[in-house]
Amino acid sequence: MDDDPRPRTRGSGGPLSPGASPLDVDEAVFDVVERIPPGRVSTYGAIGRLVGVGPRRVARALSQGGGAVPWHRVVRADGSAAGPVRVEQLALLAAEGVPVRNGRVDLAAVGWP
């Protein structure tokens, strides 16, 4: 697996252009999320910075079509899981050996990139 977290869908490797279509944004988000290794997690904000969008846009992409990527490896900035999928997400992360204490992932230990 390539260790470069930047999306592969753009030739420049930088953030999306301001006029990028919603589908381009979704694909860029999915591309980065696919690169998160098992046992590691990232945040909506970190993914957003790599892609060039805000954390809410990352969450929207994953909630609307991220089922084919390891969506469970993306958490809030404080290490907590999203409300509607909290139980499932924490179970999937625990199965990968991700340390969770009091419902929060230890980002200092397993944060990516």
N, C-alpha and C. Protein backbone atom coordinates (compact mmCIF):
# COMPACT_ATOMS: atom_id res chain seq x y z
N MET A 1 0.84 -1.19 0.00
CA MET A 1 0.00 0.00 0.00
C MET A 1 0.88 1.24 0.00
N ASP A 2 0.50 2.22 -0.77
CA ASP A 2 1.22 3.48 -0.87
C ASP A 2 1.04 4.25 0.44
N ASP A 3 2.14 4.77 1.01
CA ASP A 3 2.06 5.49 2.27
C ASP A 3 1.68 6.95 2.10
N ASP A 4 1.64 7.45 0.89
CA ASP A 4 1.28 8.84 0.64
C ASP A 4 -0.23 8.98 0.81
N PRO A 5 -0.69 9.78 1.80
CA PRO A 5 -2.12 9.89 2.06
C PRO A 5 -2.89 10.73 1.05
N ARG A 6 -2.18 11.45 0.20
CA ARG A 6 -2.88 12.33 -0.73
C ARG A 6 -3.69 11.53 -1.74
N PRO A 7 -4.84 12.05 -2.15
CA PRO A 7 -5.66 11.36 -3.13
C PRO A 7 -4.91 11.15 -4.44
N ARG A 8 -5.15 10.03 -5.08
CA ARG A 8 -4.50 9.71 -6.35
C ARG A 8 -5.28 10.27 -7.54
N THR A 9 -6.45 10.81 -7.29
CA THR A 9 -7.32 11.21 -8.39
C THR A 9 -6.92 12.52 -9.05
N ARG A 10 -5.98 13.25 -8.46
CA ARG A 10 -5.56 14.53 -9.02
C ARG A 10 -4.09 14.47 -9.36
N GLY A 11 -3.73 14.99 -10.50
CA GLY A 11 -2.35 14.95 -10.93
C GLY A 11 -1.41 15.75 -10.04
N SER A 12 -1.87 16.84 -9.46
CA SER A 12 -0.98 17.70 -8.68
C SER A 12 -0.75 17.19 -7.27
N GLY A 13 -1.64 16.34 -6.77
CA GLY A 13 -1.52 15.86 -5.40
C GLY A 13 -1.95 16.87 -4.37
N GLY A 14 -2.38 18.04 -4.77
CA GLY A 14 -2.82 19.06 -3.84
C GLY A 14 -4.32 19.04 -3.66
N PRO A 15 -4.84 20.04 -2.94
CA PRO A 15 -6.28 20.11 -2.71
C PRO A 15 -7.06 20.22 -4.02
N LEU A 16 -8.31 19.83 -3.96
CA LEU A 16 -9.19 19.94 -5.12
C LEU A 16 -9.35 21.40 -5.53
N SER A 17 -9.64 21.62 -6.78
CA SER A 17 -9.90 22.98 -7.24
C SER A 17 -11.24 23.45 -6.69
N PRO A 18 -11.40 24.77 -6.51
CA PRO A 18 -12.65 25.29 -5.94
C PRO A 18 -13.90 24.88 -6.72
N GLY A 19 -13.79 24.62 -8.00
CA GLY A 19 -14.95 24.25 -8.80
C GLY A 19 -15.17 22.75 -8.91
N ALA A 20 -14.51 21.95 -8.07
CA ALA A 20 -14.63 20.49 -8.16
C ALA A 20 -16.07 20.06 -7.92
N SER A 21 -16.50 19.07 -8.69
CA SER A 21 -17.86 18.57 -8.55
C SER A 21 -17.99 17.79 -7.25
N PRO A 22 -19.23 17.66 -6.73
CA PRO A 22 -19.43 16.86 -5.51
C PRO A 22 -18.93 15.43 -5.65
N LEU A 23 -19.07 14.84 -6.83
CA LEU A 23 -18.58 13.48 -7.03
C LEU A 23 -17.06 13.42 -6.96
N ASP A 24 -16.38 14.45 -7.48
CA ASP A 24 -14.92 14.51 -7.39
C ASP A 24 -14.49 14.59 -5.92
N VAL A 25 -15.21 15.39 -5.14
CA VAL A 25 -14.90 15.52 -3.72
C VAL A 25 -15.09 14.17 -3.03
N ASP A 26 -16.22 13.53 -3.27
CA ASP A 26 -16.48 12.22 -2.67
C ASP A 26 -15.38 11.23 -3.01
N GLU A 27 -15.02 11.16 -4.28
CA GLU A 27 -13.98 10.22 -4.71
C GLU A 27 -12.64 10.52 -4.06
N ALA A 28 -12.31 11.80 -3.92
CA ALA A 28 -11.05 12.18 -3.27
C ALA A 28 -11.06 11.75 -1.80
N VAL A 29 -12.20 11.95 -1.13
CA VAL A 29 -12.34 11.51 0.27
C VAL A 29 -12.18 10.00 0.36
N PHE A 30 -12.89 9.27 -0.49
CA PHE A 30 -12.81 7.80 -0.45
C PHE A 30 -11.39 7.32 -0.71
N ASP A 31 -10.70 7.99 -1.62
CA ASP A 31 -9.34 7.60 -1.97
C ASP A 31 -8.42 7.71 -0.75
N VAL A 32 -8.54 8.80 -0.02
CA VAL A 32 -7.70 8.98 1.17
C VAL A 32 -8.08 7.97 2.25
N VAL A 33 -9.38 7.78 2.48
CA VAL A 33 -9.82 6.85 3.53
C VAL A 33 -9.35 5.43 3.23
N GLU A 34 -9.32 5.06 1.97
CA GLU A 34 -8.83 3.73 1.60
C GLU A 34 -7.37 3.52 1.98
N ARG A 35 -6.63 4.59 2.15
CA ARG A 35 -5.20 4.50 2.46
C ARG A 35 -4.91 4.40 3.96
N ILE A 36 -5.93 4.54 4.80
CA ILE A 36 -5.70 4.43 6.24
C ILE A 36 -5.45 2.96 6.56
N PRO A 37 -4.29 2.64 7.11
CA PRO A 37 -3.96 1.23 7.37
C PRO A 37 -4.84 0.65 8.49
N PRO A 38 -5.06 -0.65 8.46
CA PRO A 38 -5.77 -1.29 9.58
C PRO A 38 -5.06 -0.99 10.89
N GLY A 39 -5.84 -0.76 11.93
CA GLY A 39 -5.26 -0.46 13.23
C GLY A 39 -4.90 0.99 13.44
N ARG A 40 -5.14 1.82 12.44
CA ARG A 40 -4.87 3.26 12.53
C ARG A 40 -6.17 4.01 12.26
N VAL A 41 -6.24 5.25 12.69
CA VAL A 41 -7.41 6.08 12.46
C VAL A 41 -7.00 7.48 12.03
N SER A 42 -7.93 8.16 11.41
CA SER A 42 -7.73 9.56 11.06
C SER A 42 -8.98 10.32 11.52
N THR A 43 -8.94 11.62 11.35
CA THR A 43 -10.10 12.43 11.73
C THR A 43 -10.73 13.04 10.48
N TYR A 44 -11.97 13.47 10.63
CA TYR A 44 -12.64 14.14 9.53
C TYR A 44 -11.85 15.36 9.09
N GLY A 45 -11.30 16.09 10.06
CA GLY A 45 -10.52 17.29 9.75
C GLY A 45 -9.23 16.98 9.01
N ALA A 46 -8.53 15.93 9.42
CA ALA A 46 -7.28 15.57 8.75
C ALA A 46 -7.54 15.15 7.31
N ILE A 47 -8.59 14.37 7.10
CA ILE A 47 -8.95 13.96 5.74
C ILE A 47 -9.32 15.20 4.93
N GLY A 48 -10.09 16.09 5.53
CA GLY A 48 -10.49 17.32 4.86
C GLY A 48 -9.31 18.17 4.44
N ARG A 49 -8.31 18.29 5.31
CA ARG A 49 -7.13 19.08 4.96
C ARG A 49 -6.39 18.46 3.78
N LEU A 50 -6.31 17.15 3.72
CA LEU A 50 -5.64 16.49 2.61
C LEU A 50 -6.38 16.70 1.29
N VAL A 51 -7.70 16.73 1.37
CA VAL A 51 -8.53 16.84 0.17
C VAL A 51 -8.82 18.30 -0.19
N GLY A 52 -8.83 19.17 0.81
CA GLY A 52 -9.12 20.58 0.55
C GLY A 52 -10.57 20.95 0.82
N VAL A 53 -11.21 20.22 1.76
CA VAL A 53 -12.60 20.52 2.14
C VAL A 53 -12.68 20.51 3.66
N GLY A 54 -13.82 20.92 4.19
CA GLY A 54 -14.02 20.92 5.63
C GLY A 54 -14.42 19.55 6.15
N PRO A 55 -14.31 19.37 7.47
CA PRO A 55 -14.63 18.07 8.07
C PRO A 55 -16.08 17.64 7.87
N ARG A 56 -17.00 18.58 7.84
CA ARG A 56 -18.41 18.20 7.62
C ARG A 56 -18.62 17.63 6.23
N ARG A 57 -17.88 18.14 5.27
CA ARG A 57 -17.99 17.62 3.90
C ARG A 57 -17.45 16.19 3.83
N VAL A 58 -16.40 15.92 4.58
CA VAL A 58 -15.86 14.56 4.66
C VAL A 58 -16.91 13.64 5.27
N ALA A 59 -17.50 14.06 6.37
CA ALA A 59 -18.54 13.25 7.03
C ALA A 59 -19.70 12.99 6.09
N ARG A 60 -20.10 13.99 5.34
CA ARG A 60 -21.22 13.81 4.40
C ARG A 60 -20.87 12.79 3.33
N ALA A 61 -19.67 12.87 2.78
CA ALA A 61 -19.26 11.91 1.76
C ALA A 61 -19.31 10.49 2.31
N LEU A 62 -18.78 10.30 3.51
CA LEU A 62 -18.75 8.96 4.09
C LEU A 62 -20.14 8.47 4.47
N SER A 63 -21.00 9.36 4.94
CA SER A 63 -22.34 8.92 5.33
C SER A 63 -23.22 8.60 4.13
N GLN A 64 -22.94 9.23 3.00
CA GLN A 64 -23.77 9.01 1.82
C GLN A 64 -23.26 7.92 0.89
N GLY A 65 -22.02 7.56 0.99
CA GLY A 65 -21.53 6.57 0.04
C GLY A 65 -20.22 5.92 0.40
N GLY A 66 -19.85 5.99 1.64
CA GLY A 66 -18.56 5.47 2.05
C GLY A 66 -18.55 4.04 2.51
N GLY A 67 -19.62 3.30 2.24
CA GLY A 67 -19.71 1.92 2.71
C GLY A 67 -18.66 0.99 2.14
N ALA A 68 -18.10 1.33 0.99
CA ALA A 68 -17.11 0.46 0.35
C ALA A 68 -15.68 0.75 0.81
N VAL A 69 -15.50 1.78 1.63
CA VAL A 69 -14.18 2.11 2.16
C VAL A 69 -14.20 1.90 3.67
N PRO A 70 -13.05 1.84 4.32
CA PRO A 70 -13.02 1.63 5.77
C PRO A 70 -13.42 2.89 6.55
N TRP A 71 -14.66 3.29 6.40
CA TRP A 71 -15.21 4.49 7.03
C TRP A 71 -15.01 4.49 8.54
N HIS A 72 -14.97 3.30 9.13
CA HIS A 72 -14.87 3.20 10.59
C HIS A 72 -13.53 3.71 11.12
N ARG A 73 -12.57 3.92 10.23
CA ARG A 73 -11.25 4.42 10.64
C ARG A 73 -11.19 5.94 10.68
N VAL A 74 -12.34 6.60 10.53
CA VAL A 74 -12.40 8.06 10.58
C VAL A 74 -13.26 8.46 11.77
N VAL A 75 -12.68 9.25 12.68
CA VAL A 75 -13.36 9.66 13.90
C VAL A 75 -13.34 11.17 14.04
N ARG A 76 -14.04 11.66 15.04
CA ARG A 76 -14.04 13.09 15.33
C ARG A 76 -12.69 13.52 15.89
N ALA A 77 -12.45 14.81 15.91
CA ALA A 77 -11.17 15.37 16.36
C ALA A 77 -10.83 14.98 17.80
N ASP A 78 -11.85 14.71 18.61
CA ASP A 78 -11.59 14.32 20.01
C ASP A 78 -11.46 12.81 20.17
N GLY A 79 -11.47 12.08 19.05
CA GLY A 79 -11.32 10.63 19.09
C GLY A 79 -12.62 9.87 19.28
N SER A 80 -13.74 10.58 19.36
CA SER A 80 -15.01 9.90 19.56
C SER A 80 -15.62 9.47 18.22
N ALA A 81 -16.49 8.48 18.29
CA ALA A 81 -17.17 7.97 17.11
C ALA A 81 -18.45 8.77 16.87
N ALA A 82 -18.89 8.78 15.63
CA ALA A 82 -20.12 9.48 15.27
C ALA A 82 -21.32 8.78 15.91
N GLY A 83 -22.25 9.54 16.41
CA GLY A 83 -23.40 9.02 17.14
C GLY A 83 -24.17 7.88 16.48
N PRO A 84 -24.65 8.06 15.26
CA PRO A 84 -25.50 7.03 14.65
C PRO A 84 -24.81 5.68 14.43
N VAL A 85 -23.48 5.67 14.35
CA VAL A 85 -22.76 4.42 14.06
C VAL A 85 -21.77 4.07 15.18
N ARG A 86 -21.91 4.71 16.32
CA ARG A 86 -20.94 4.58 17.41
C ARG A 86 -20.66 3.13 17.78
N VAL A 87 -21.68 2.35 18.06
CA VAL A 87 -21.48 0.98 18.53
C VAL A 87 -20.76 0.14 17.47
N GLU A 88 -21.25 0.23 16.22
CA GLU A 88 -20.63 -0.53 15.14
C GLU A 88 -19.19 -0.07 14.89
N GLN A 89 -18.97 1.24 14.88
CA GLN A 89 -17.64 1.77 14.61
C GLN A 89 -16.64 1.35 15.68
N LEU A 90 -17.01 1.46 16.94
CA LEU A 90 -16.09 1.08 18.01
C LEU A 90 -15.80 -0.42 18.00
N ALA A 91 -16.79 -1.22 17.63
CA ALA A 91 -16.57 -2.67 17.53
C ALA A 91 -15.59 -2.99 16.40
N LEU A 92 -15.75 -2.34 15.25
CA LEU A 92 -14.84 -2.56 14.13
C LEU A 92 -13.42 -2.13 14.47
N LEU A 93 -13.30 -0.99 15.15
CA LEU A 93 -11.97 -0.51 15.53
C LEU A 93 -11.33 -1.44 16.57
N ALA A 94 -12.11 -1.90 17.53
CA ALA A 94 -11.59 -2.83 18.53
C ALA A 94 -11.09 -4.11 17.87
N ALA A 95 -11.81 -4.57 16.85
CA ALA A 95 -11.40 -5.79 16.14
C ALA A 95 -10.05 -5.60 15.44
N GLU A 96 -9.70 -4.36 15.13
CA GLU A 96 -8.41 -4.07 14.50
C GLU A 96 -7.33 -3.75 15.53
N GLY A 97 -7.69 -3.81 16.81
CA GLY A 97 -6.72 -3.55 17.86
C GLY A 97 -6.51 -2.09 18.19
N VAL A 98 -7.43 -1.24 17.76
CA VAL A 98 -7.32 0.20 18.04
C VAL A 98 -7.68 0.44 19.51
N PRO A 99 -6.80 1.11 20.26
CA PRO A 99 -7.09 1.37 21.68
C PRO A 99 -8.21 2.39 21.84
N VAL A 100 -9.24 1.98 22.58
CA VAL A 100 -10.38 2.85 22.86
C VAL A 100 -10.57 2.90 24.36
N ARG A 101 -10.65 4.10 24.90
CA ARG A 101 -10.88 4.27 26.33
C ARG A 101 -12.00 5.28 26.52
N ASN A 102 -12.98 4.89 27.30
CA ASN A 102 -14.15 5.75 27.57
C ASN A 102 -14.80 6.23 26.27
N GLY A 103 -14.87 5.34 25.29
CA GLY A 103 -15.54 5.66 24.04
C GLY A 103 -14.75 6.54 23.08
N ARG A 104 -13.45 6.73 23.36
CA ARG A 104 -12.61 7.57 22.50
C ARG A 104 -11.34 6.82 22.09
N VAL A 105 -10.97 7.04 20.86
CA VAL A 105 -9.75 6.45 20.33
C VAL A 105 -8.56 7.27 20.81
N ASP A 106 -7.47 6.61 21.14
CA ASP A 106 -6.23 7.28 21.52
C ASP A 106 -5.52 7.74 20.25
N LEU A 107 -5.84 8.94 19.80
CA LEU A 107 -5.27 9.45 18.54
C LEU A 107 -3.76 9.62 18.60
N ALA A 108 -3.23 9.88 19.79
CA ALA A 108 -1.78 10.01 19.89
C ALA A 108 -1.09 8.70 19.58
N ALA A 109 -1.75 7.59 19.87
CA ALA A 109 -1.15 6.28 19.64
C ALA A 109 -1.37 5.75 18.23
N VAL A 110 -2.53 6.04 17.64
CA VAL A 110 -2.87 5.41 16.35
C VAL A 110 -3.33 6.40 15.28
N GLY A 111 -3.12 7.68 15.50
CA GLY A 111 -3.53 8.68 14.50
C GLY A 111 -2.76 8.57 13.21
N TRP A 112 -3.44 8.85 12.11
CA TRP A 112 -2.85 8.80 10.77
C TRP A 112 -3.36 9.97 9.97
N PRO A 113 -2.70 10.59 9.10
CA PRO A 113 -1.27 10.50 8.83
C PRO A 113 -0.48 11.24 9.87
